[in-house]
Amino acid sequence: MAPSIRLSPAARSLFDKPLAIAVQGLGPRQQVTLRTSLRDETGELFQASAHYQAGDDGELDLARCPALPGGSFSGLEPMGLLWALQPQKPFWRLVKRDVQSPFLLQLEVFEGHGERPGRLLAQAQHERAFLRDGVRRVPVREGRIRATLFLPPGNGPFPGIIDLYGTGGGLPEYRACLLANYGFAVLALAFYGYEDLPKVMKEFHLEYFEEAVNYMLQHTQVKGPGIGLLGHSKGGDLCVSMASFLKGITATALINGSVANVGAVLCYKDITIPPLGINPKRIKVGKSGIADIIDALNNPLEWPDQQSFIPLEKAECFFLFIVGQDDHNWKSEFFAVEGSKRLQAHGKEKPEIFCYPGAGHYIEPPFFPMCAASMHLLLGKPVMWGGEPKAHCEAQIDAWQQIQAFFRKHLTGKSSGTSSKL
């Protein structure tokens, strides 16, 4: 029997779901190298490989066989060939631009464990999709709003969430659509660097975000009386500002967010919040030319930067903080702890905080490979984001469950009973 790759699901799976990989038809205890490849929409190549030895029966099941030293990872890692994918171009991060088309994953089995791949024994292709069948993608251009709404299959109404990314700008849709697969109506909202929105991060007006909140609250497919907010990085502190000043917010989840306003002036009616000060002298640049910016921001507890601390005690919502303890973008754990202290000092409920050791800044949906360093749009040079690949991958899986459980509990009143494994 010729060797062949057996995948489950066979041809197509959702990107945030596990994929079972096995090879059959090998010789007893045969040594092989498995390699995965994926090209993003710009054509950049991501690859991972691992050394394995088949069982006595010539079977190799990644759920039962540990990877041997010498590849991208070792040990029992059924999904290692996905989370260990690394760009062949330095400082490149895997993002999905068109969520309506899947990523195409190539799997190959080579003979032996040599420096160079041996003879090709088997290969297969698999689609990693972002949209579940029946999820509707609705471009939104109402008033000033530039966004995309994802609606789950069925009649609704559905619990509603606004999803914000960080300083990269544009309109990333992949997290919003993956979340919509689980029964949420999710609005991926652009706020700069997109179409006719501001080109640079200089000044943000909460009235724009208020328009988006009202759009969701008035939508016939969105279940009231309030909505949720989900923000990563700069999107996180924008969500804190929205929760603090706008009505109709029930639950706010931050992924490595800040409780101080960062990077741009924030305005709402007659209120102005200055950005947290930065000291460029505190940026460390290593021999590799990669900058470590973790100490660059000033402390929002010290004068005059206290003015940048967002008054989150005004919020009438529940908070969830997802924290990567190896985040090198800024001190996410410090922000979460100080936010929690501020809320409790004002008699508000203590927020949920999940801290993940070994997780870096870019905590994405499950199975996105960790981005250790990439170009920083505002700095114009590569910066380190932190993280250790395996721990980061495990954090992404757990955080994704915690985020869904948090929104389900507070937006639908149903608890799904997940508890943190880390």
Protein backbone atom coordinates (compact mmCIF):
# COMPACT_ATOMS: atom_id res chain seq x y z
CA MET A 1 0.00 0.00 0.00
CA ALA A 2 1.40 3.39 -0.98
CA PRO A 3 1.67 5.97 1.84
CA SER A 4 -1.26 8.41 2.08
CA ILE A 5 -2.31 11.30 4.33
CA ARG A 6 -5.60 10.93 6.20
CA LEU A 7 -7.25 14.15 7.43
CA SER A 8 -10.34 14.63 9.55
CA PRO A 9 -12.35 16.60 8.50
CA ALA A 10 -11.17 15.37 5.08
CA ALA A 11 -11.32 18.36 2.72
CA ARG A 12 -12.31 21.48 4.65
CA SER A 13 -12.41 22.74 8.24
CA LEU A 14 -12.96 26.04 10.04
CA PHE A 15 -9.69 27.83 10.81
CA ASP A 16 -10.25 27.87 14.59
CA LYS A 17 -11.08 24.15 14.74
CA PRO A 18 -8.58 21.30 15.23
CA LEU A 19 -7.54 19.15 12.27
CA ALA A 20 -6.66 15.49 12.81
CA ILE A 21 -3.62 14.41 10.75
CA ALA A 22 -2.44 10.85 10.18
CA VAL A 23 -0.25 9.01 7.65
CA GLN A 24 -0.92 5.40 6.69
CA GLY A 25 0.92 2.88 4.51
CA LEU A 26 4.43 3.58 5.81
CA GLY A 27 6.97 0.90 6.63
CA PRO A 28 7.28 -0.36 10.25
CA ARG A 29 9.06 2.36 12.34
CA GLN A 30 9.84 4.27 9.13
CA GLN A 31 11.38 7.72 9.71
CA VAL A 32 9.64 10.56 7.87
CA THR A 33 9.47 14.36 7.82
CA LEU A 34 6.05 16.03 7.63
CA ARG A 35 5.83 19.54 6.20
CA THR A 36 2.95 22.03 6.01
CA SER A 37 2.88 25.06 3.71
CA LEU A 38 0.42 27.91 3.36
CA ARG A 39 0.52 31.05 1.24
CA ASP A 40 -1.26 34.21 2.36
CA GLU A 41 -3.12 36.43 -0.09
CA THR A 42 0.00 38.43 -0.89
CA GLY A 43 1.76 35.19 -1.90
CA GLU A 44 4.05 35.03 1.14
CA LEU A 45 4.93 31.50 2.22
CA PHE A 46 4.51 30.07 5.74
CA GLN A 47 6.01 26.66 6.57
CA ALA A 48 6.47 24.21 9.43
CA SER A 49 8.02 20.73 9.55
CA ALA A 50 8.47 17.94 12.07
CA HIS A 51 10.34 14.63 12.31
CA TYR A 52 8.32 11.48 13.06
CA GLN A 53 8.70 7.74 13.25
CA ALA A 54 5.82 5.46 12.23
CA GLY A 55 4.55 2.71 14.54
CA ASP A 56 5.23 -0.99 14.11
CA ASP A 57 2.13 -1.18 11.90
CA GLY A 58 3.34 1.63 9.57
CA GLU A 59 0.70 4.03 10.97
CA LEU A 60 1.52 7.55 12.10
CA ASP A 61 -1.21 9.41 14.01
CA LEU A 62 -0.13 12.88 15.22
CA ALA A 63 -2.57 12.60 18.14
CA ARG A 64 -0.58 9.62 19.47
CA CYS A 65 2.95 9.94 18.05
CA PRO A 66 5.30 12.59 19.48
CA ALA A 67 7.42 14.63 17.07
CA LEU A 68 11.14 13.91 17.44
CA PRO A 69 13.71 16.70 17.98
CA GLY A 70 15.00 18.59 14.94
CA GLY A 71 11.89 20.12 13.38
CA SER A 72 9.76 23.20 14.10
CA PHE A 73 8.59 21.56 17.36
CA SER A 74 8.91 18.29 19.28
CA GLY A 75 6.69 16.25 21.60
CA LEU A 76 3.04 15.27 21.30
CA GLU A 77 1.56 18.18 19.36
CA PRO A 78 -1.42 17.10 17.19
CA MET A 79 -1.78 20.69 15.84
CA GLY A 80 1.93 21.59 15.84
CA LEU A 81 2.13 21.63 12.04
CA LEU A 82 -0.40 24.48 12.07
CA TRP A 83 0.56 26.62 15.04
CA ALA A 84 4.29 26.34 14.24
CA LEU A 85 3.89 27.80 10.73
CA GLN A 86 6.46 30.56 10.26
CA PRO A 87 6.84 33.16 7.49
CA GLN A 88 9.74 32.70 5.10
CA LYS A 89 9.86 36.51 4.86
CA PRO A 90 11.12 38.16 8.08
CA PHE A 91 8.71 40.23 10.21
CA TRP A 92 5.61 39.02 8.37
CA ARG A 93 2.34 38.25 10.17
CA LEU A 94 -0.37 35.90 8.96
CA VAL A 95 -3.63 37.78 8.45
CA LYS A 96 -6.73 36.88 6.42
CA ARG A 97 -7.93 39.63 4.14
CA ASP A 98 -10.77 37.98 2.21
CA VAL A 99 -12.76 35.86 4.66
CA GLN A 100 -14.95 34.51 1.86
CA SER A 101 -12.10 32.36 0.51
CA PRO A 102 -10.25 29.72 2.57
CA PHE A 103 -6.52 29.37 3.15
CA LEU A 104 -5.15 26.38 1.24
CA LEU A 105 -2.95 24.17 3.43
CA GLN A 106 -0.46 21.84 1.70
CA LEU A 107 0.75 18.74 3.56
CA GLU A 108 3.71 16.65 2.41
CA VAL A 109 5.44 13.51 3.72
CA PHE A 110 9.14 13.05 2.91
CA GLU A 111 11.44 10.11 3.50
CA GLY A 112 13.95 10.37 6.35
CA HIS A 113 15.08 13.15 8.69
CA GLY A 114 17.80 14.77 6.55
CA GLU A 115 18.71 18.46 6.30
CA ARG A 116 17.18 18.40 2.83
CA PRO A 117 13.80 16.73 2.23
CA GLY A 118 14.11 13.12 1.02
CA ARG A 119 11.85 11.50 -1.54
CA LEU A 120 8.22 12.75 -1.53
CA LEU A 121 6.04 9.87 -0.28
CA ALA A 122 2.57 11.49 -0.05
CA GLN A 123 0.85 14.84 -0.25
CA ALA A 124 -2.58 16.34 0.39
CA GLN A 125 -4.40 19.67 0.35
CA HIS A 126 -6.88 21.01 2.87
CA GLU A 127 -9.02 24.15 2.99
CA ARG A 128 -9.03 26.17 6.23
CA ALA A 129 -12.21 28.25 5.97
CA PHE A 130 -13.45 31.28 7.91
CA LEU A 131 -17.18 31.40 7.19
CA ARG A 132 -19.51 28.63 8.30
CA ASP A 133 -22.23 27.79 5.75
CA GLY A 134 -25.15 30.19 6.12
CA VAL A 135 -23.25 33.04 7.83
CA ARG A 136 -24.10 36.28 6.01
CA ARG A 137 -21.49 38.95 5.31
CA VAL A 138 -23.08 42.41 5.04
CA PRO A 139 -20.92 45.46 4.10
CA VAL A 140 -22.12 48.47 6.15
CA ARG A 141 -21.84 52.03 4.78
CA GLU A 142 -24.43 53.95 6.81
CA GLY A 143 -23.72 57.55 7.76
CA ARG A 144 -20.02 57.64 8.65
CA ILE A 145 -19.85 53.94 9.58
CA ARG A 146 -17.36 51.83 7.61
CA ALA A 147 -17.83 48.25 8.72
CA THR A 148 -18.85 44.69 7.89
CA LEU A 149 -21.65 42.91 9.76
CA PHE A 150 -21.62 39.12 10.10
CA LEU A 151 -24.95 37.46 10.86
CA PRO A 152 -25.26 33.79 11.88
CA PRO A 153 -27.63 31.46 10.05
CA GLY A 154 -31.21 31.37 11.33
CA ASN A 155 -33.84 33.93 12.22
CA GLY A 156 -32.27 35.73 15.16
CA PRO A 157 -32.17 38.12 16.85
CA PHE A 158 -28.62 37.36 17.96
CA PRO A 159 -26.43 38.79 20.74
CA GLY A 160 -24.48 41.69 19.16
CA ILE A 161 -20.77 42.51 19.40
CA ILE A 162 -18.59 45.29 17.91
CA ASP A 163 -15.07 44.08 17.11
CA LEU A 164 -12.08 46.46 16.96
CA TYR A 165 -8.46 45.79 15.99
CA GLY A 166 -5.44 47.98 16.73
CA THR A 167 -2.98 50.41 15.16
CA GLY A 168 -2.78 48.41 11.91
CA GLY A 169 -5.95 50.22 10.78
CA GLY A 170 -8.04 49.01 7.86
CA LEU A 171 -10.95 46.62 8.27
CA PRO A 172 -9.84 43.17 9.51
CA GLU A 173 -12.86 40.84 9.37
CA TYR A 174 -11.47 37.43 10.29
CA ARG A 175 -12.03 37.48 14.06
CA ALA A 176 -15.53 38.93 13.64
CA CYS A 177 -16.61 36.29 11.14
CA LEU A 178 -15.13 33.41 13.18
CA LEU A 179 -17.10 34.70 16.19
CA ALA A 180 -20.29 34.92 14.11
CA ASN A 181 -19.94 31.19 13.41
CA TYR A 182 -20.90 30.67 17.08
CA GLY A 183 -24.20 32.55 16.99
CA PHE A 184 -23.17 36.20 17.54
CA ALA A 185 -24.02 39.13 15.26
CA VAL A 186 -20.59 40.77 14.96
CA LEU A 187 -19.75 44.17 13.46
CA ALA A 188 -16.10 44.45 12.36
CA LEU A 189 -15.59 48.22 12.62
CA ALA A 190 -12.88 50.23 10.83
CA PHE A 191 -11.79 53.45 12.56
CA TYR A 192 -8.87 54.74 10.51
CA GLY A 193 -6.74 53.93 7.47
CA TYR A 194 -9.75 52.74 5.49
CA GLU A 195 -11.70 54.31 2.60
CA ASP A 196 -12.67 57.87 3.60
CA LEU A 197 -11.81 57.49 7.30
CA PRO A 198 -8.81 59.42 8.71
CA LYS A 199 -5.50 58.28 7.20
CA VAL A 200 -3.48 58.65 10.41
CA MET A 201 -4.00 58.13 14.15
CA LYS A 202 -4.14 61.69 15.43
CA GLU A 203 -7.56 62.30 16.91
CA PHE A 204 -10.55 60.00 17.43
CA HIS A 205 -14.10 61.17 18.06
CA LEU A 206 -16.31 58.85 20.10
CA GLU A 207 -19.34 60.11 18.18
CA TYR A 208 -18.23 57.88 15.29
CA PHE A 209 -18.19 54.81 17.57
CA GLU A 210 -21.52 55.91 19.09
CA GLU A 211 -23.01 55.79 15.59
CA ALA A 212 -21.86 52.17 15.30
CA VAL A 213 -23.31 51.27 18.74
CA ASN A 214 -26.66 52.82 17.78
CA TYR A 215 -26.61 51.00 14.44
CA MET A 216 -26.27 47.68 16.30
CA LEU A 217 -28.85 48.54 18.97
CA GLN A 218 -31.42 49.44 16.29
CA HIS A 219 -30.70 46.42 14.05
CA THR A 220 -33.63 43.98 13.86
CA GLN A 221 -31.22 41.01 13.94
CA VAL A 222 -29.46 42.19 17.12
CA LYS A 223 -30.85 41.08 20.48
CA GLY A 224 -30.99 43.90 23.03
CA PRO A 225 -31.04 45.56 25.39
CA GLY A 226 -27.25 46.02 25.16
CA ILE A 227 -24.30 44.88 23.07
CA GLY A 228 -20.77 43.63 23.68
CA LEU A 229 -17.41 45.15 22.70
CA LEU A 230 -14.27 43.20 21.79
CA GLY A 231 -10.99 45.03 21.25
CA HIS A 232 -7.33 44.09 20.83
CA SER A 233 -4.42 46.46 21.57
CA LYS A 234 -5.45 50.04 20.60
CA GLY A 235 -8.90 48.64 19.89
CA GLY A 236 -8.97 47.66 23.56
CA ASP A 237 -8.61 51.16 24.97
CA LEU A 238 -11.14 52.42 22.40
CA CYS A 239 -13.58 49.82 23.78
CA VAL A 240 -12.88 51.00 27.35
CA SER A 241 -13.62 54.58 26.25
CA MET A 242 -16.84 53.49 24.51
CA ALA A 243 -17.97 51.56 27.61
CA SER A 244 -17.15 54.55 29.84
CA PHE A 245 -19.04 57.20 27.87
CA LEU A 246 -21.65 55.53 25.65
CA LYS A 247 -24.98 53.94 26.53
CA GLY A 248 -26.07 50.45 25.53
CA ILE A 249 -22.87 48.54 26.38
CA THR A 250 -23.40 45.39 28.49
CA ALA A 251 -20.07 43.55 28.26
CA THR A 252 -16.55 44.62 27.22
CA ALA A 253 -13.70 42.18 26.50
CA LEU A 254 -10.11 43.39 26.02
CA ILE A 255 -7.28 41.36 24.51
CA ASN A 256 -3.99 42.91 25.70
CA GLY A 257 -5.69 46.29 25.90
CA SER A 258 -4.87 49.46 27.83
CA VAL A 259 -6.97 51.35 30.37
CA ALA A 260 -5.19 54.58 29.42
CA ASN A 261 -5.84 56.36 26.15
CA VAL A 262 -2.90 55.62 23.83
CA GLY A 263 -1.58 57.01 20.56
CA ALA A 264 -4.15 59.69 19.70
CA VAL A 265 -6.30 62.38 21.31
CA LEU A 266 -9.78 61.13 22.22
CA CYS A 267 -12.72 63.55 22.01
CA TYR A 268 -16.34 63.19 23.01
CA LYS A 269 -18.67 66.21 23.17
CA ASP A 270 -16.79 68.64 25.49
CA ILE A 271 -14.44 65.95 26.91
CA THR A 272 -10.85 65.55 25.69
CA ILE A 273 -8.53 62.77 26.87
CA PRO A 274 -4.86 63.22 25.91
CA PRO A 275 -2.77 60.23 24.86
CA LEU A 276 -0.40 58.63 27.34
CA GLY A 277 3.09 60.13 27.00
CA ILE A 278 5.91 58.19 25.33
CA ASN A 279 9.65 58.35 26.03
CA PRO A 280 11.52 57.08 22.92
CA LYS A 281 14.73 56.82 25.00
CA ARG A 282 13.20 53.82 26.77
CA ILE A 283 12.95 51.85 23.50
CA LYS A 284 15.66 49.17 23.39
CA VAL A 285 16.96 48.00 20.01
CA GLY A 286 18.89 44.72 19.93
CA LYS A 287 21.61 43.52 17.54
CA SER A 288 18.92 42.09 15.26
CA GLY A 289 17.48 45.59 14.75
CA ILE A 290 14.22 44.61 16.45
CA ALA A 291 12.88 47.18 18.92
CA ASP A 292 11.54 46.29 22.36
CA ILE A 293 8.98 48.99 23.18
CA ILE A 294 7.56 47.59 26.42
CA ASP A 295 8.96 50.44 28.56
CA ALA A 296 8.23 53.28 26.09
CA LEU A 297 4.89 54.42 27.54
CA ASN A 298 4.70 56.59 30.65
CA ASN A 299 2.93 55.40 33.80
CA PRO A 300 -0.75 56.55 33.76
CA LEU A 301 -0.73 56.65 37.59
CA GLU A 302 1.88 59.45 37.64
CA TRP A 303 1.34 63.14 36.93
CA PRO A 304 0.69 64.48 34.29
CA ASP A 305 -0.23 61.19 32.59
CA GLN A 306 -3.11 60.53 34.99
CA GLN A 307 -5.22 62.59 32.56
CA SER A 308 -4.88 59.75 30.06
CA PHE A 309 -6.45 57.16 32.40
CA ILE A 310 -9.90 56.40 30.96
CA PRO A 311 -12.65 56.82 33.61
CA LEU A 312 -13.83 53.21 33.27
CA GLU A 313 -15.60 53.49 36.63
CA LYS A 314 -18.35 55.34 34.66
CA ALA A 315 -19.04 52.17 32.65
CA GLU A 316 -22.25 50.26 33.34
CA CYS A 317 -20.96 46.94 32.01
CA PHE A 318 -19.01 43.80 32.83
CA PHE A 319 -15.32 43.62 31.88
CA LEU A 320 -13.08 40.77 30.77
CA PHE A 321 -9.30 41.21 30.46
CA ILE A 322 -7.30 38.69 28.39
CA VAL A 323 -3.61 39.19 29.26
CA GLY A 324 -0.50 37.77 27.60
CA GLN A 325 2.11 37.85 30.37
CA ASP A 326 4.92 38.05 27.81
CA ASP A 327 3.32 40.95 25.89
CA HIS A 328 6.17 43.24 24.78
CA ASN A 329 3.95 45.89 23.17
CA TRP A 330 3.00 47.34 26.53
CA LYS A 331 2.30 46.25 30.11
CA SER A 332 -1.07 44.56 29.59
CA GLU A 333 -1.10 42.88 32.99
CA PHE A 334 -0.39 46.19 34.75
CA PHE A 335 -3.26 47.82 32.83
CA ALA A 336 -5.66 44.98 33.74
CA VAL A 337 -4.72 45.12 37.43
CA GLU A 338 -5.00 48.93 37.60
CA GLY A 339 -8.33 48.83 35.75
CA SER A 340 -9.60 46.26 38.23
CA LYS A 341 -8.44 48.39 41.21
CA ARG A 342 -10.14 51.49 39.78
CA LEU A 343 -13.44 49.63 39.21
CA GLN A 344 -13.46 48.11 42.71
CA ALA A 345 -12.50 51.41 44.35
CA HIS A 346 -15.68 52.85 42.83
CA GLY A 347 -17.85 49.97 44.05
CA LYS A 348 -18.02 48.26 40.66
CA GLU A 349 -17.83 44.51 40.11
CA LYS A 350 -14.35 43.03 39.85
CA PRO A 351 -13.57 42.22 36.21
CA GLU A 352 -12.68 38.75 34.98
CA ILE A 353 -8.93 38.59 34.28
CA PHE A 354 -7.27 35.66 32.51
CA CYS A 355 -3.47 35.78 32.51
CA TYR A 356 -1.52 33.54 30.17
CA PRO A 357 2.19 32.91 30.88
CA GLY A 358 4.28 32.70 27.69
CA ALA A 359 1.66 34.47 25.56
CA GLY A 360 2.67 37.55 23.56
CA HIS A 361 0.78 40.58 22.28
CA TYR A 362 -1.06 39.19 19.27
CA ILE A 363 -3.51 36.79 20.92
CA GLU A 364 -5.57 35.78 17.89
CA PRO A 365 -8.25 33.13 17.32
CA PRO A 366 -6.95 29.55 17.70
CA PHE A 367 -4.26 28.18 15.39
CA PHE A 368 -3.02 31.49 14.03
CA PRO A 369 0.76 31.08 14.23
CA MET A 370 2.41 33.31 16.82
CA CYS A 371 3.92 36.50 15.43
CA ALA A 372 7.13 37.12 17.40
CA ALA A 373 8.07 40.37 15.62
CA SER A 374 6.72 42.48 12.75
CA MET A 375 6.77 46.02 11.37
CA HIS A 376 5.11 48.59 13.65
CA LEU A 377 3.05 50.94 11.52
CA LEU A 378 3.64 53.96 13.78
CA LEU A 379 7.33 53.32 14.55
CA GLY A 380 8.28 52.28 11.01
CA LYS A 381 10.59 49.55 12.32
CA PRO A 382 10.16 45.93 13.43
CA VAL A 383 9.17 45.45 17.06
CA MET A 384 9.04 42.33 19.21
CA TRP A 385 5.57 41.24 20.35
CA GLY A 386 6.70 38.57 22.81
CA GLY A 387 5.44 35.05 23.33
CA GLU A 388 6.64 31.45 23.22
CA PRO A 389 4.95 29.53 20.36
CA LYS A 390 3.46 26.54 22.22
CA ALA A 391 2.29 28.52 25.27
CA HIS A 392 0.94 31.24 22.97
CA CYS A 393 -1.02 28.67 20.96
CA GLU A 394 -2.54 27.20 24.13
CA ALA A 395 -3.47 30.70 25.31
CA GLN A 396 -5.26 31.43 22.04
CA ILE A 397 -7.36 28.26 22.35
CA ASP A 398 -8.35 28.98 25.96
CA ALA A 399 -8.90 32.74 25.50
CA TRP A 400 -11.22 32.08 22.54
CA GLN A 401 -13.40 29.91 24.82
CA GLN A 402 -13.33 32.47 27.63
CA ILE A 403 -14.38 35.31 25.27
CA GLN A 404 -17.33 33.34 23.92
CA ALA A 405 -18.40 32.21 27.41
CA PHE A 406 -18.19 35.82 28.70
CA PHE A 407 -20.39 37.20 25.92
CA ARG A 408 -22.83 34.30 26.10
CA LYS A 409 -23.23 34.82 29.85
CA HIS A 410 -23.74 38.58 29.75
CA LEU A 411 -25.53 39.02 26.41
CA THR A 412 -27.83 35.98 26.55
CA GLY A 413 -27.87 35.10 30.26
CA LYS A 414 -26.68 31.57 29.46
CA SER A 415 -23.53 30.22 31.05
CA SER A 416 -21.57 27.60 29.13
CA GLY A 417 -19.51 26.59 32.16
CA THR A 418 -15.99 26.86 30.74
CA SER A 419 -13.12 27.22 33.14
CA SER A 420 -9.57 28.25 32.40
CA LYS A 421 -7.21 25.37 31.83
CA LEU A 422 -4.10 27.52 32.23
